[in-house]
């Protein structure tokens, strides 16, 4: 019976891994959001530069 109960008890090392995993997942989500924002800013800057090169505020094919 003791062995069966021991299998359900979480070792402190496992708790630490679970906590570290949660922290890392949160960090990855935050970095993915930051990357998406930076890409959007880059794309907007490129679009703005391309529009300024055409000499008008309208797309060339409009």
PDB file of N, CA and C in Angstrom:
ATOM      1  N   UNK A   1       0.821  -1.190   0.000  1.00  0.00           N
ATOM      2  CA  UNK A   1       0.000   0.000   0.000  1.00  0.00           C
ATOM      3  C   UNK A   1       0.868   1.258   0.000  1.00  0.00           C
ATOM      4  N   UNK A   2       1.946   1.225   0.732  1.00  0.00           N
ATOM      5  CA  UNK A   2       2.822   2.391   0.800  1.00  0.00           C
ATOM      6  C   UNK A   2       3.419   2.700  -0.567  1.00  0.00           C
ATOM      7  N   UNK A   3       3.779   1.664  -1.307  1.00  0.00           N
ATOM      8  CA  UNK A   3       4.346   1.890  -2.638  1.00  0.00           C
ATOM      9  C   UNK A   3       3.314   2.523  -3.567  1.00  0.00           C
ATOM     10  N   UNK A   4       2.077   2.122  -3.465  1.00  0.00           N
ATOM     11  CA  UNK A   4       1.019   2.690  -4.300  1.00  0.00           C
ATOM     12  C   UNK A   4       0.816   4.155  -3.956  1.00  0.00           C
ATOM     13  N   UNK A   5       0.835   4.501  -2.692  1.00  0.00           N
ATOM     14  CA  UNK A   5       0.678   5.890  -2.288  1.00  0.00           C
ATOM     15  C   UNK A   5       1.887   6.721  -2.685  1.00  0.00           C
ATOM     16  N   UNK A   6       3.070   6.131  -2.574  1.00  0.00           N
ATOM     17  CA  UNK A   6       4.288   6.855  -2.920  1.00  0.00           C
ATOM     18  C   UNK A   6       4.284   7.252  -4.398  1.00  0.00           C
ATOM     19  N   UNK A   7       3.697   6.439  -5.239  1.00  0.00           N
ATOM     20  CA  UNK A   7       3.630   6.752  -6.660  1.00  0.00           C
ATOM     21  C   UNK A   7       2.785   7.979  -6.957  1.00  0.00           C
ATOM     22  N   UNK A   8       1.892   8.338  -6.062  1.00  0.00           N
ATOM     23  CA  UNK A   8       1.019   9.493  -6.272  1.00  0.00           C
ATOM     24  C   UNK A   8       1.564  10.763  -5.638  1.00  0.00           C
ATOM     25  N   UNK A   9       2.603  10.641  -4.866  1.00  0.00           N
ATOM     26  CA  UNK A   9       3.214  11.808  -4.240  1.00  0.00           C
ATOM     27  C   UNK A   9       4.214  12.401  -5.229  1.00  0.00           C
ATOM     28  N   UNK A  10       4.137  13.699  -5.414  1.00  0.00           N
ATOM     29  CA  UNK A  10       5.023  14.371  -6.356  1.00  0.00           C
ATOM     30  C   UNK A  10       6.294  14.781  -5.618  1.00  0.00           C
ATOM     31  N   UNK A  11       7.408  14.413  -6.175  1.00  0.00           N
ATOM     32  CA  UNK A  11       8.696  14.757  -5.581  1.00  0.00           C
ATOM     33  C   UNK A  11       8.969  16.245  -5.756  1.00  0.00           C
ATOM     34  N   UNK A  12       9.708  16.856  -4.836  1.00  0.00           N
ATOM     35  CA  UNK A  12      10.030  18.288  -4.962  1.00  0.00           C
ATOM     36  C   UNK A  12      10.736  18.621  -6.275  1.00  0.00           C
ATOM     37  N   UNK A  13      11.570  17.712  -6.758  1.00  0.00           N
ATOM     38  CA  UNK A  13      12.248  17.969  -8.031  1.00  0.00           C
ATOM     39  C   UNK A  13      11.246  18.061  -9.172  1.00  0.00           C
ATOM     40  N   UNK A  14      10.207  17.229  -9.131  1.00  0.00           N
ATOM     41  CA  UNK A  14       9.175  17.291 -10.177  1.00  0.00           C
ATOM     42  C   UNK A  14       8.384  18.587 -10.074  1.00  0.00           C
ATOM     43  N   UNK A  15       8.095  19.026  -8.856  1.00  0.00           N
ATOM     44  CA  UNK A  15       7.387  20.301  -8.694  1.00  0.00           C
ATOM     45  C   UNK A  15       8.208  21.446  -9.264  1.00  0.00           C
ATOM     46  N   UNK A  16       9.508  21.407  -9.010  1.00  0.00           N
ATOM     47  CA  UNK A  16      10.381  22.457  -9.526  1.00  0.00           C
ATOM     48  C   UNK A  16      10.371  22.442 -11.052  1.00  0.00           C
ATOM     49  N   UNK A  17      10.384  21.250 -11.654  1.00  0.00           N
ATOM     50  CA  UNK A  17      10.336  21.160 -13.114  1.00  0.00           C
ATOM     51  C   UNK A  17       9.019  21.687 -13.668  1.00  0.00           C
ATOM     52  N   UNK A  18       7.925  21.374 -12.991  1.00  0.00           N
ATOM     53  CA  UNK A  18       6.620  21.853 -13.440  1.00  0.00           C
ATOM     54  C   UNK A  18       6.567  23.376 -13.370  1.00  0.00           C
ATOM     55  N   UNK A  19       7.080  23.943 -12.280  1.00  0.00           N
ATOM     56  CA  UNK A  19       7.085  25.404 -12.137  1.00  0.00           C
ATOM     57  C   UNK A  19       7.984  26.047 -13.186  1.00  0.00           C
ATOM     58  N   UNK A  20       9.162  25.472 -13.397  1.00  0.00           N
ATOM     59  CA  UNK A  20      10.073  26.018 -14.395  1.00  0.00           C
ATOM     60  C   UNK A  20       9.468  25.925 -15.791  1.00  0.00           C
ATOM     61  N   UNK A  21       8.783  24.831 -16.068  1.00  0.00           N
ATOM     62  CA  UNK A  21       8.122  24.658 -17.361  1.00  0.00           C
ATOM     63  C   UNK A  21       7.061  25.739 -17.567  1.00  0.00           C
ATOM     64  N   UNK A  22       6.293  26.028 -16.544  1.00  0.00           N
ATOM     65  CA  UNK A  22       5.263  27.062 -16.642  1.00  0.00           C
ATOM     66  C   UNK A  22       5.890  28.430 -16.886  1.00  0.00           C
ATOM     67  N   UNK A  23       6.979  28.718 -16.187  1.00  0.00           N
ATOM     68  CA  UNK A  23       7.667  29.998 -16.372  1.00  0.00           C
ATOM     69  C   UNK A  23       8.203  30.105 -17.794  1.00  0.00           C
ATOM     70  N   UNK A  24       8.798  29.038 -18.288  1.00  0.00           N
ATOM     71  CA  UNK A  24       9.349  29.061 -19.642  1.00  0.00           C
ATOM     72  C   UNK A  24       8.258  29.197 -20.700  1.00  0.00           C
ATOM     73  N   UNK A  25       7.132  28.529 -20.486  1.00  0.00           N
ATOM     74  CA  UNK A  25       6.018  28.669 -21.445  1.00  0.00           C
ATOM     75  C   UNK A  25       5.511  30.100 -21.482  1.00  0.00           C
ATOM     76  N   UNK A  26       5.423  30.723 -20.315  1.00  0.00           N
ATOM     77  CA  UNK A  26       4.997  32.122 -20.250  1.00  0.00           C
ATOM     78  C   UNK A  26       5.996  33.015 -20.968  1.00  0.00           C
ATOM     79  N   UNK A  27       7.267  32.761 -20.760  1.00  0.00           N
ATOM     80  CA  UNK A  27       8.304  33.558 -21.407  1.00  0.00           C
ATOM     81  C   UNK A  27       8.258  33.385 -22.920  1.00  0.00           C
ATOM     82  N   UNK A  28       8.051  32.168 -23.384  1.00  0.00           N
ATOM     83  CA  UNK A  28       7.961  31.919 -24.826  1.00  0.00           C
ATOM     84  C   UNK A  28       6.767  32.657 -25.418  1.00  0.00           C
ATOM     85  N   UNK A  29       5.610  32.610 -24.729  1.00  0.00           N
ATOM     86  CA  UNK A  29       4.432  33.338 -25.220  1.00  0.00           C
ATOM     87  C   UNK A  29       4.710  34.827 -25.319  1.00  0.00           C
ATOM     88  N   UNK A  30       5.374  35.388 -24.290  1.00  0.00           N
ATOM     89  CA  UNK A  30       5.687  36.819 -24.293  1.00  0.00           C
ATOM     90  C   UNK A  30       6.643  37.160 -25.438  1.00  0.00           C
ATOM     91  N   UNK A  31       7.647  36.316 -25.658  1.00  0.00           N
ATOM     92  CA  UNK A  31       8.594  36.562 -26.742  1.00  0.00           C
ATOM     93  C   UNK A  31       7.936  36.420 -28.110  1.00  0.00           C
ATOM     94  N   UNK A  32       7.008  35.470 -28.241  1.00  0.00           N
ATOM     95  CA  UNK A  32       6.279  35.330 -29.513  1.00  0.00           C
ATOM     96  C   UNK A  32       5.426  36.555 -29.785  1.00  0.00           C
ATOM     97  N   UNK A  33       4.801  37.110 -28.747  1.00  0.00           N
ATOM     98  CA  UNK A  33       4.005  38.330 -28.916  1.00  0.00           C
ATOM     99  C   UNK A  33       4.897  39.508 -29.304  1.00  0.00           C
ATOM    100  N   UNK A  34       6.051  39.611 -28.648  1.00  0.00           N
ATOM    101  CA  UNK A  34       6.984  40.684 -28.969  1.00  0.00           C
ATOM    102  C   UNK A  34       7.483  40.553 -30.405  1.00  0.00           C
ATOM    103  N   UNK A  35       7.768  39.336 -30.832  1.00  0.00           N
ATOM    104  CA  UNK A  35       8.212  39.101 -32.201  1.00  0.00           C
ATOM    105  C   UNK A  35       7.134  39.510 -33.207  1.00  0.00           C
ATOM    106  N   UNK A  36       5.889  39.162 -32.909  1.00  0.00           N
ATOM    107  CA  UNK A  36       4.788  39.538 -33.805  1.00  0.00           C
ATOM    108  C   UNK A  36       4.660  41.063 -33.889  1.00  0.00           C
ATOM    109  N   UNK A  37       4.813  41.747 -32.758  1.00  0.00           N
ATOM    110  CA  UNK A  37       4.730  43.214 -32.757  1.00  0.00           C
ATOM    111  C   UNK A  37       5.878  43.818 -33.558  1.00  0.00           C
ATOM    112  N   UNK A  38       7.086  43.288 -33.373  1.00  0.00           N
ATOM    113  CA  UNK A  38       8.238  43.810 -34.113  1.00  0.00           C
ATOM    114  C   UNK A  38       8.088  43.571 -35.615  1.00  0.00           C
ATOM    115  N   UNK A  39       7.573  42.411 -35.979  1.00  0.00           N
ATOM    116  CA  UNK A  39       7.348  42.132 -37.403  1.00  0.00           C
ATOM    117  C   UNK A  39       6.308  43.088 -37.984  1.00  0.00           C
ATOM    118  N   UNK A  40       5.255  43.359 -37.228  1.00  0.00           N
ATOM    119  CA  UNK A  40       4.225  44.285 -37.703  1.00  0.00           C
ATOM    120  C   UNK A  40       4.801  45.690 -37.860  1.00  0.00           C
ATOM    121  N   UNK A  41       5.631  46.115 -36.911  1.00  0.00           N
ATOM    122  CA  UNK A  41       6.269  47.427 -37.021  1.00  0.00           C
ATOM    123  C   UNK A  41       7.190  47.485 -38.232  1.00  0.00           C
ATOM    124  N   UNK A  42       7.947  46.404 -38.447  1.00  0.00           N
ATOM    125  CA  UNK A  42       8.853  46.353 -39.597  1.00  0.00           C
ATOM    126  C   UNK A  42       8.068  46.418 -40.901  1.00  0.00           C
ATOM    127  N   UNK A  43       6.979  45.658 -40.983  1.00  0.00           N
ATOM    128  CA  UNK A  43       6.168  45.648 -42.193  1.00  0.00           C
ATOM    129  C   UNK A  43       5.549  47.020 -42.451  1.00  0.00           C
ATOM    130  N   UNK A  44       5.106  47.684 -41.379  1.00  0.00           N
ATOM    131  CA  UNK A  44       4.525  49.013 -41.525  1.00  0.00           C
ATOM    132  C   UNK A  44       5.581  50.007 -41.997  1.00  0.00           C
ATOM    133  N   UNK A  45       6.792  49.902 -41.480  1.00  0.00           N
ATOM    134  CA  UNK A  45       7.865  50.803 -41.887  1.00  0.00           C
ATOM    135  C   UNK A  45       8.229  50.569 -43.351  1.00  0.00           C
ATOM    136  N   UNK A  46       8.268  49.313 -43.756  1.00  0.00           N
ATOM    137  CA  UNK A  46       8.576  49.000 -45.159  1.00  0.00           C
ATOM    138  C   UNK A  46       7.475  49.534 -46.065  1.00  0.00           C
ATOM    139  N   UNK A  47       6.224  49.344 -45.675  1.00  0.00           N
ATOM    140  CA  UNK A  47       5.107  49.843 -46.489  1.00  0.00           C
ATOM    141  C   UNK A  47       5.154  51.360 -46.585  1.00  0.00           C
ATOM    142  N   UNK A  48       5.469  52.007 -45.464  1.00  0.00           N
ATOM    143  CA  UNK A  48       5.553  53.473 -45.474  1.00  0.00           C
ATOM    144  C   UNK A  48       6.677  53.941 -46.393  1.00  0.00           C
ATOM    145  N   UNK A  49       7.810  53.266 -46.326  1.00  0.00           N
ATOM    146  CA  UNK A  49       8.943  53.640 -47.181  1.00  0.00           C
ATOM    147  C   UNK A  49       8.618  53.410 -48.650  1.00  0.00           C
ATOM    148  N   UNK A  50       7.960  52.311 -48.966  1.00  0.00           N
ATOM    149  CA  UNK A  50       7.596  52.050 -50.358  1.00  0.00           C
ATOM    150  C   UNK A  50       6.603  53.082 -50.871  1.00  0.00           C
ATOM    151  N   UNK A  51       5.650  53.464 -50.023  1.00  0.00           N
ATOM    152  CA  UNK A  51       4.688  54.491 -50.446  1.00  0.00           C
ATOM    153  C   UNK A  51       5.370  55.838 -50.642  1.00  0.00           C
ATOM    154  N   UNK A  52       6.367  56.140 -49.819  1.00  0.00           N
ATOM    155  CA  UNK A  52       7.048  57.421 -49.978  1.00  0.00           C
ATOM    156  C   UNK A  52       7.907  57.430 -51.243  1.00  0.00           C
ATOM    157  N   UNK A  53       8.365  56.271 -51.682  1.00  0.00           N
ATOM    158  CA  UNK A  53       9.158  56.198 -52.910  1.00  0.00           C
ATOM    159  C   UNK A  53       8.300  56.415 -54.148  1.00  0.00           C
ATOM    160  N   UNK A  54       7.011  56.084 -54.081  1.00  0.00           N
ATOM    161  CA  UNK A  54       6.141  56.250 -55.249  1.00  0.00           C
ATOM    162  C   UNK A  54       5.773  57.717 -55.450  1.00  0.00           C
ATOM    163  N   UNK A  55       5.906  58.525 -54.422  1.00  0.00           N
ATOM    164  CA  UNK A  55       5.616  59.937 -54.567  1.00  0.00           C
ATOM    165  C   UNK A  55       4.177  60.304 -54.273  1.00  0.00           C
ATOM    166  N   UNK A  56       3.328  59.317 -54.036  1.00  0.00           N
ATOM    167  CA  UNK A  56       1.948  59.602 -53.678  1.00  0.00           C
ATOM    168  C   UNK A  56       1.533  58.668 -52.568  1.00  0.00           C
ATOM    169  N   UNK A  57       0.413  58.956 -51.987  1.00  0.00           N
ATOM    170  CA  UNK A  57      -0.097  58.133 -50.914  1.00  0.00           C
ATOM    171  C   UNK A  57      -0.892  56.954 -51.399  1.00  0.00           C
ATOM    172  N   UNK A  58      -1.034  56.812 -52.709  1.00  0.00           N
ATOM    173  CA  UNK A  58      -1.829  55.728 -53.262  1.00  0.00           C
ATOM    174  C   UNK A  58      -0.936  54.598 -53.766  1.00  0.00           C
ATOM    175  N   UNK A  59      -1.404  53.370 -53.685  1.00  0.00           N
ATOM    176  CA  UNK A  59      -0.622  52.254 -54.233  1.00  0.00           C
ATOM    177  C   UNK A  59      -0.456  52.425 -55.746  1.00  0.00           C
ATOM    178  N   UNK A  60       0.611  51.898 -56.300  1.00  0.00           N
ATOM    179  CA  UNK A  60       0.933  52.075 -57.713  1.00  0.00           C
ATOM    180  C   UNK A  60      -0.094  51.439 -58.644  1.00  0.00           C
ATOM    181  N   UNK A  61      -0.752  50.365 -58.196  1.00  0.00           N
ATOM    182  CA  UNK A  61      -1.703  49.668 -59.075  1.00  0.00           C
ATOM    183  C   UNK A  61      -3.139  50.145 -58.914  1.00  0.00           C
ATOM    184  N   UNK A  62      -3.378  51.115 -58.091  1.00  0.00           N
ATOM    185  CA  UNK A  62      -4.756  51.568 -57.851  1.00  0.00           C
ATOM    186  C   UNK A  62      -5.294  52.370 -58.986  1.00  0.00           C
TER     187      UNK A  62
END
